[in-house]
Amino acid sequence: MSDDASPLDNTLSGRDQMSRLWAGWRIPYILKGDDERTQETPEGMTLFEGIGKSGLDDSVTYILWRGTHCYALLNAYPYSSGHLLVVPNEAAVNLEDLSAEAFAELWEIVQMGVVAVKAEYQPDGVNVGMNLGRASGAGVPDHLHVHVVPRWAGDTNFLTSIAEARVLPESLSDTWTRLKAAWPER
């Protein structure tokens, strides 16, 4: 494609024809350095402490539910629609750093998240997991969190594997509205 071609131009033919998905909303995040990505919070707070204590409306921060020690929110960069996180209010790097109360509530909220995801999205399965430490793949290694990810048979494809792109059928605000309504009572 020439430099002056429109991104919407699909006039290429034969082997040169390729459909393109544009995710321009990702560029501000991509252009930041690693330090900037994790330092978008007030001094002395982790990303999740900053979100939880921001004072913003939960519909803005995509917080689905708040407990005494932990809360659930949508993943800002989800693997699939309905991908949520459960985090302690206070930063902890390791599971053993949590109080018994925070540990119990963390898993209670994970269970509630699974119930909400199943009720609203009817997935074929659900991944529940943690990445503890940067070497394990943790994107926010200074504040542990549990991922709840709805999965469907055949939902993995070449696009994620080779193009590092995902196609999500709904916006985060639509996902928040759906899961907020499906969240079970405690």
C-alpha atoms as a PDB file:
ATOM      1  CA  MET A   1       0.000   0.000   0.000  1.00  0.00           C
ATOM      2  CA  SER A   2       1.436   3.387  -0.895  1.00  0.00           C
ATOM      3  CA  ASP A   3       1.996   6.065   1.718  1.00  0.00           C
ATOM      4  CA  ASP A   4      -0.837   8.169   0.289  1.00  0.00           C
ATOM      5  CA  ALA A   5      -3.380   5.317   0.230  1.00  0.00           C
ATOM      6  CA  SER A   6      -6.366   5.557   2.506  1.00  0.00           C
ATOM      7  CA  PRO A   7      -6.499   3.063   5.396  1.00  0.00           C
ATOM      8  CA  LEU A   8      -9.964   2.206   4.091  1.00  0.00           C
ATOM      9  CA  ASP A   9      -8.649   1.411   0.620  1.00  0.00           C
ATOM     10  CA  ASN A  10      -9.339  -2.268  -0.084  1.00  0.00           C
ATOM     11  CA  THR A  11      -8.626  -2.105  -3.801  1.00  0.00           C
ATOM     12  CA  LEU A  12      -5.514  -4.281  -3.659  1.00  0.00           C
ATOM     13  CA  SER A  13      -5.881  -7.511  -5.542  1.00  0.00           C
ATOM     14  CA  GLY A  14      -4.554 -11.052  -5.475  1.00  0.00           C
ATOM     15  CA  ARG A  15      -1.927 -12.009  -2.925  1.00  0.00           C
ATOM     16  CA  ASP A  16      -1.441  -8.365  -1.884  1.00  0.00           C
ATOM     17  CA  GLN A  17      -5.013  -8.011  -0.628  1.00  0.00           C
ATOM     18  CA  MET A  18      -5.285  -8.028   3.145  1.00  0.00           C
ATOM     19  CA  SER A  19      -8.010  -6.948   5.516  1.00  0.00           C
ATOM     20  CA  ARG A  20      -6.805  -4.652   8.244  1.00  0.00           C
ATOM     21  CA  LEU A  21      -8.161  -3.994  11.695  1.00  0.00           C
ATOM     22  CA  TRP A  22      -7.334  -0.613  13.174  1.00  0.00           C
ATOM     23  CA  ALA A  23      -7.012  -0.101  16.927  1.00  0.00           C
ATOM     24  CA  GLY A  24      -5.962   3.534  17.111  1.00  0.00           C
ATOM     25  CA  TRP A  25      -7.095   3.752  20.730  1.00  0.00           C
ATOM     26  CA  ARG A  26      -4.008   1.649  21.652  1.00  0.00           C
ATOM     27  CA  ILE A  27      -1.375   4.120  20.407  1.00  0.00           C
ATOM     28  CA  PRO A  28      -1.216   6.312  23.555  1.00  0.00           C
ATOM     29  CA  TYR A  29      -0.405   3.188  25.610  1.00  0.00           C
ATOM     30  CA  ILE A  30       2.086   1.832  23.067  1.00  0.00           C
ATOM     31  CA  LEU A  31       4.005   5.114  22.870  1.00  0.00           C
ATOM     32  CA  LYS A  32       4.597   5.193  26.618  1.00  0.00           C
ATOM     33  CA  GLY A  33       7.689   3.620  28.118  1.00  0.00           C
ATOM     34  CA  ASP A  34       7.421   0.815  30.669  1.00  0.00           C
ATOM     35  CA  ASP A  35       7.852   3.265  33.562  1.00  0.00           C
ATOM     36  CA  GLU A  36       5.074   5.532  32.257  1.00  0.00           C
ATOM     37  CA  ARG A  37       2.658   2.621  31.833  1.00  0.00           C
ATOM     38  CA  THR A  38       2.913   1.701  35.489  1.00  0.00           C
ATOM     39  CA  GLN A  39       3.275   5.215  36.924  1.00  0.00           C
ATOM     40  CA  GLU A  40      -0.128   6.658  35.971  1.00  0.00           C
ATOM     41  CA  THR A  41      -1.120   6.764  39.648  1.00  0.00           C
ATOM     42  CA  PRO A  42      -0.492   9.077  42.587  1.00  0.00           C
ATOM     43  CA  GLU A  43       2.969   8.875  44.127  1.00  0.00           C
ATOM     44  CA  GLY A  44       3.412   5.874  46.391  1.00  0.00           C
ATOM     45  CA  MET A  45       0.438   3.920  45.000  1.00  0.00           C
ATOM     46  CA  THR A  46       0.234   0.994  42.627  1.00  0.00           C
ATOM     47  CA  LEU A  47      -1.956   1.176  39.533  1.00  0.00           C
ATOM     48  CA  PHE A  48      -4.754  -0.764  41.247  1.00  0.00           C
ATOM     49  CA  GLU A  49      -4.557   1.279  44.457  1.00  0.00           C
ATOM     50  CA  GLY A  50      -4.855   4.406  42.320  1.00  0.00           C
ATOM     51  CA  ILE A  51      -7.902   3.070  40.486  1.00  0.00           C
ATOM     52  CA  GLY A  52      -9.618   1.867  43.660  1.00  0.00           C
ATOM     53  CA  LYS A  53      -8.979   5.118  45.532  1.00  0.00           C
ATOM     54  CA  SER A  54      -9.460   7.510  42.596  1.00  0.00           C
ATOM     55  CA  GLY A  55     -12.821   8.834  43.758  1.00  0.00           C
ATOM     56  CA  LEU A  56     -14.105   8.472  40.192  1.00  0.00           C
ATOM     57  CA  ASP A  57     -17.465   6.867  39.532  1.00  0.00           C
ATOM     58  CA  ASP A  58     -17.250   3.096  39.171  1.00  0.00           C
ATOM     59  CA  SER A  59     -18.683   3.368  35.652  1.00  0.00           C
ATOM     60  CA  VAL A  60     -15.607   5.407  34.690  1.00  0.00           C
ATOM     61  CA  THR A  61     -13.059   3.064  36.312  1.00  0.00           C
ATOM     62  CA  TYR A  62     -15.086  -0.031  35.311  1.00  0.00           C
ATOM     63  CA  ILE A  63     -15.211  -1.267  38.896  1.00  0.00           C
ATOM     64  CA  LEU A  64     -17.935  -3.896  39.048  1.00  0.00           C
ATOM     65  CA  TRP A  65     -18.095  -4.607  42.766  1.00  0.00           C
ATOM     66  CA  ARG A  66     -16.404  -3.438  45.973  1.00  0.00           C
ATOM     67  CA  GLY A  67     -15.905  -5.468  49.114  1.00  0.00           C
ATOM     68  CA  THR A  68     -14.196  -4.638  52.389  1.00  0.00           C
ATOM     69  CA  HIS A  69     -10.724  -5.817  51.318  1.00  0.00           C
ATOM     70  CA  CYS A  70     -10.951  -6.334  47.534  1.00  0.00           C
ATOM     71  CA  TYR A  71     -12.782  -5.211  44.422  1.00  0.00           C
ATOM     72  CA  ALA A  72     -13.524  -6.446  40.896  1.00  0.00           C
ATOM     73  CA  LEU A  73     -13.057  -4.430  37.720  1.00  0.00           C
ATOM     74  CA  LEU A  74     -12.814  -4.951  33.991  1.00  0.00           C
ATOM     75  CA  ASN A  75      -9.420  -5.550  32.429  1.00  0.00           C
ATOM     76  CA  ALA A  76      -8.604  -2.452  30.353  1.00  0.00           C
ATOM     77  CA  TYR A  77      -6.838  -4.650  27.778  1.00  0.00           C
ATOM     78  CA  PRO A  78      -9.042  -7.760  27.740  1.00  0.00           C
ATOM     79  CA  TYR A  79      -8.396 -11.098  26.063  1.00  0.00           C
ATOM     80  CA  SER A  80     -12.142 -11.439  25.491  1.00  0.00           C
ATOM     81  CA  SER A  81     -15.335  -9.574  26.349  1.00  0.00           C
ATOM     82  CA  GLY A  82     -16.118 -10.141  30.009  1.00  0.00           C
ATOM     83  CA  HIS A  83     -12.448 -10.387  31.097  1.00  0.00           C
ATOM     84  CA  LEU A  84     -12.343  -9.070  34.636  1.00  0.00           C
ATOM     85  CA  LEU A  85      -9.816  -8.753  37.444  1.00  0.00           C
ATOM     86  CA  VAL A  86     -10.177  -9.182  41.194  1.00  0.00           C
ATOM     87  CA  VAL A  87      -7.657  -7.204  43.258  1.00  0.00           C
ATOM     88  CA  PRO A  88      -7.007  -6.476  46.922  1.00  0.00           C
ATOM     89  CA  ASN A  89      -7.533  -2.838  47.919  1.00  0.00           C
ATOM     90  CA  GLU A  90      -3.987  -2.665  49.284  1.00  0.00           C
ATOM     91  CA  ALA A  91      -0.990  -3.741  47.237  1.00  0.00           C
ATOM     92  CA  ALA A  92       0.385  -7.212  47.802  1.00  0.00           C
ATOM     93  CA  VAL A  93       2.992  -8.869  45.625  1.00  0.00           C
ATOM     94  CA  ASN A  94       2.446 -12.424  46.875  1.00  0.00           C
ATOM     95  CA  LEU A  95      -0.562 -14.387  48.086  1.00  0.00           C
ATOM     96  CA  GLU A  96       1.152 -14.922  51.435  1.00  0.00           C
ATOM     97  CA  ASP A  97       1.294 -11.122  51.865  1.00  0.00           C
ATOM     98  CA  LEU A  98      -2.519 -10.947  52.171  1.00  0.00           C
ATOM     99  CA  SER A  99      -4.335 -11.014  55.483  1.00  0.00           C
ATOM    100  CA  ALA A 100      -6.587 -14.018  56.034  1.00  0.00           C
ATOM    101  CA  GLU A 101      -9.616 -11.749  55.551  1.00  0.00           C
ATOM    102  CA  ALA A 102      -8.355 -10.275  52.277  1.00  0.00           C
ATOM    103  CA  PHE A 103      -7.390 -13.744  50.999  1.00  0.00           C
ATOM    104  CA  ALA A 104     -10.855 -15.141  51.756  1.00  0.00           C
ATOM    105  CA  GLU A 105     -12.627 -12.167  50.200  1.00  0.00           C
ATOM    106  CA  LEU A 106     -10.409 -12.276  47.094  1.00  0.00           C
ATOM    107  CA  TRP A 107     -11.567 -15.815  46.301  1.00  0.00           C
ATOM    108  CA  GLU A 108     -15.173 -15.046  47.245  1.00  0.00           C
ATOM    109  CA  ILE A 109     -15.186 -12.208  44.702  1.00  0.00           C
ATOM    110  CA  VAL A 110     -13.489 -14.434  42.106  1.00  0.00           C
ATOM    111  CA  GLN A 111     -16.369 -16.879  42.588  1.00  0.00           C
ATOM    112  CA  MET A 112     -18.893 -14.039  42.187  1.00  0.00           C
ATOM    113  CA  GLY A 113     -17.108 -12.912  39.016  1.00  0.00           C
ATOM    114  CA  VAL A 114     -17.275 -16.407  37.537  1.00  0.00           C
ATOM    115  CA  VAL A 115     -20.999 -16.566  38.337  1.00  0.00           C
ATOM    116  CA  ALA A 116     -21.588 -13.172  36.642  1.00  0.00           C
ATOM    117  CA  VAL A 117     -19.514 -14.063  33.566  1.00  0.00           C
ATOM    118  CA  LYS A 118     -21.302 -17.404  33.154  1.00  0.00           C
ATOM    119  CA  ALA A 119     -24.737 -15.817  33.614  1.00  0.00           C
ATOM    120  CA  GLU A 120     -24.166 -12.983  31.152  1.00  0.00           C
ATOM    121  CA  TYR A 121     -21.901 -14.515  28.495  1.00  0.00           C
ATOM    122  CA  GLN A 122     -22.661 -18.272  28.631  1.00  0.00           C
ATOM    123  CA  PRO A 123     -19.036 -19.191  27.811  1.00  0.00           C
ATOM    124  CA  ASP A 124     -17.941 -22.753  27.116  1.00  0.00           C
ATOM    125  CA  GLY A 125     -15.363 -22.378  29.887  1.00  0.00           C
ATOM    126  CA  VAL A 126     -13.669 -19.837  32.157  1.00  0.00           C
ATOM    127  CA  ASN A 127      -9.959 -19.292  32.813  1.00  0.00           C
ATOM    128  CA  VAL A 128      -9.140 -18.185  36.369  1.00  0.00           C
ATOM    129  CA  GLY A 129      -5.520 -17.396  37.076  1.00  0.00           C
ATOM    130  CA  MET A 130      -2.731 -15.240  38.437  1.00  0.00           C
ATOM    131  CA  ASN A 131       0.700 -14.229  37.206  1.00  0.00           C
ATOM    132  CA  LEU A 132       2.842 -13.595  40.280  1.00  0.00           C
ATOM    133  CA  GLY A 133       6.007 -11.702  39.382  1.00  0.00           C
ATOM    134  CA  ARG A 134       7.242 -10.173  36.134  1.00  0.00           C
ATOM    135  CA  ALA A 135       8.862 -13.446  34.980  1.00  0.00           C
ATOM    136  CA  SER A 136       5.454 -15.149  35.121  1.00  0.00           C
ATOM    137  CA  GLY A 137       3.959 -12.552  32.777  1.00  0.00           C
ATOM    138  CA  ALA A 138       2.474 -10.154  35.321  1.00  0.00           C
ATOM    139  CA  GLY A 139       1.715  -6.812  33.683  1.00  0.00           C
ATOM    140  CA  VAL A 140       1.328  -5.190  37.115  1.00  0.00           C
ATOM    141  CA  PRO A 141       3.856  -7.149  39.195  1.00  0.00           C
ATOM    142  CA  ASP A 142       3.647  -4.915  42.276  1.00  0.00           C
ATOM    143  CA  HIS A 143      -0.051  -5.670  42.953  1.00  0.00           C
ATOM    144  CA  LEU A 144      -1.381  -9.205  42.637  1.00  0.00           C
ATOM    145  CA  HIS A 145      -4.670  -9.744  40.840  1.00  0.00           C
ATOM    146  CA  VAL A 146      -6.772 -12.657  39.652  1.00  0.00           C
ATOM    147  CA  HIS A 147      -7.949 -12.868  36.038  1.00  0.00           C
ATOM    148  CA  VAL A 148     -11.414 -14.228  35.222  1.00  0.00           C
ATOM    149  CA  VAL A 149     -11.622 -14.784  31.459  1.00  0.00           C
ATOM    150  CA  PRO A 150     -14.633 -16.277  29.649  1.00  0.00           C
ATOM    151  CA  ARG A 151     -13.630 -18.682  26.878  1.00  0.00           C
ATOM    152  CA  TRP A 152     -15.439 -20.292  23.960  1.00  0.00           C
ATOM    153  CA  ALA A 153     -14.543 -23.368  21.941  1.00  0.00           C
ATOM    154  CA  GLY A 154     -12.532 -22.125  18.973  1.00  0.00           C
ATOM    155  CA  ASP A 155     -11.939 -18.612  20.363  1.00  0.00           C
ATOM    156  CA  THR A 156      -8.188 -18.795  19.736  1.00  0.00           C
ATOM    157  CA  ASN A 157      -7.056 -17.922  16.257  1.00  0.00           C
ATOM    158  CA  PHE A 158      -4.134 -16.857  14.142  1.00  0.00           C
ATOM    159  CA  LEU A 159      -4.802 -13.147  14.634  1.00  0.00           C
ATOM    160  CA  THR A 160      -3.743 -13.136  18.275  1.00  0.00           C
ATOM    161  CA  SER A 161      -0.923 -15.598  17.629  1.00  0.00           C
ATOM    162  CA  ILE A 162       0.794 -13.819  14.737  1.00  0.00           C
ATOM    163  CA  ALA A 163      -0.571 -10.283  14.628  1.00  0.00           C
ATOM    164  CA  GLU A 164      -0.827  -9.512  18.351  1.00  0.00           C
ATOM    165  CA  ALA A 165      -4.356  -8.232  17.820  1.00  0.00           C
ATOM    166  CA  ARG A 166      -7.701  -9.195  19.272  1.00  0.00           C
ATOM    167  CA  VAL A 167     -11.184  -8.618  17.970  1.00  0.00           C
ATOM    168  CA  LEU A 168     -13.641  -7.737  20.723  1.00  0.00           C
ATOM    169  CA  PRO A 169     -17.320  -7.515  19.804  1.00  0.00           C
ATOM    170  CA  GLU A 170     -18.297  -4.899  22.401  1.00  0.00           C
ATOM    171  CA  SER A 171     -16.932  -1.845  24.168  1.00  0.00           C
ATOM    172  CA  LEU A 172     -15.710  -1.872  27.772  1.00  0.00           C
ATOM    173  CA  SER A 173     -18.655   0.299  28.825  1.00  0.00           C
ATOM    174  CA  ASP A 174     -21.101  -2.222  27.330  1.00  0.00           C
ATOM    175  CA  THR A 175     -19.264  -5.073  29.056  1.00  0.00           C
ATOM    176  CA  TRP A 176     -19.350  -3.144  32.369  1.00  0.00           C
ATOM    177  CA  THR A 177     -23.109  -2.561  32.052  1.00  0.00           C
ATOM    178  CA  ARG A 178     -23.776  -6.235  31.311  1.00  0.00           C
ATOM    179  CA  LEU A 179     -21.596  -7.633  34.105  1.00  0.00           C
ATOM    180  CA  LYS A 180     -22.727  -5.041  36.648  1.00  0.00           C
ATOM    181  CA  ALA A 181     -26.332  -6.148  36.043  1.00  0.00           C
ATOM    182  CA  ALA A 182     -25.387  -9.843  36.262  1.00  0.00           C
ATOM    183  CA  TRP A 183     -23.264  -9.510  39.424  1.00  0.00           C
ATOM    184  CA  PRO A 184     -24.637 -11.807  42.161  1.00  0.00           C
ATOM    185  CA  GLU A 185     -25.637 -10.646  45.619  1.00  0.00           C
ATOM    186  CA  ARG A 186     -23.148 -11.434  48.359  1.00  0.00           C
END
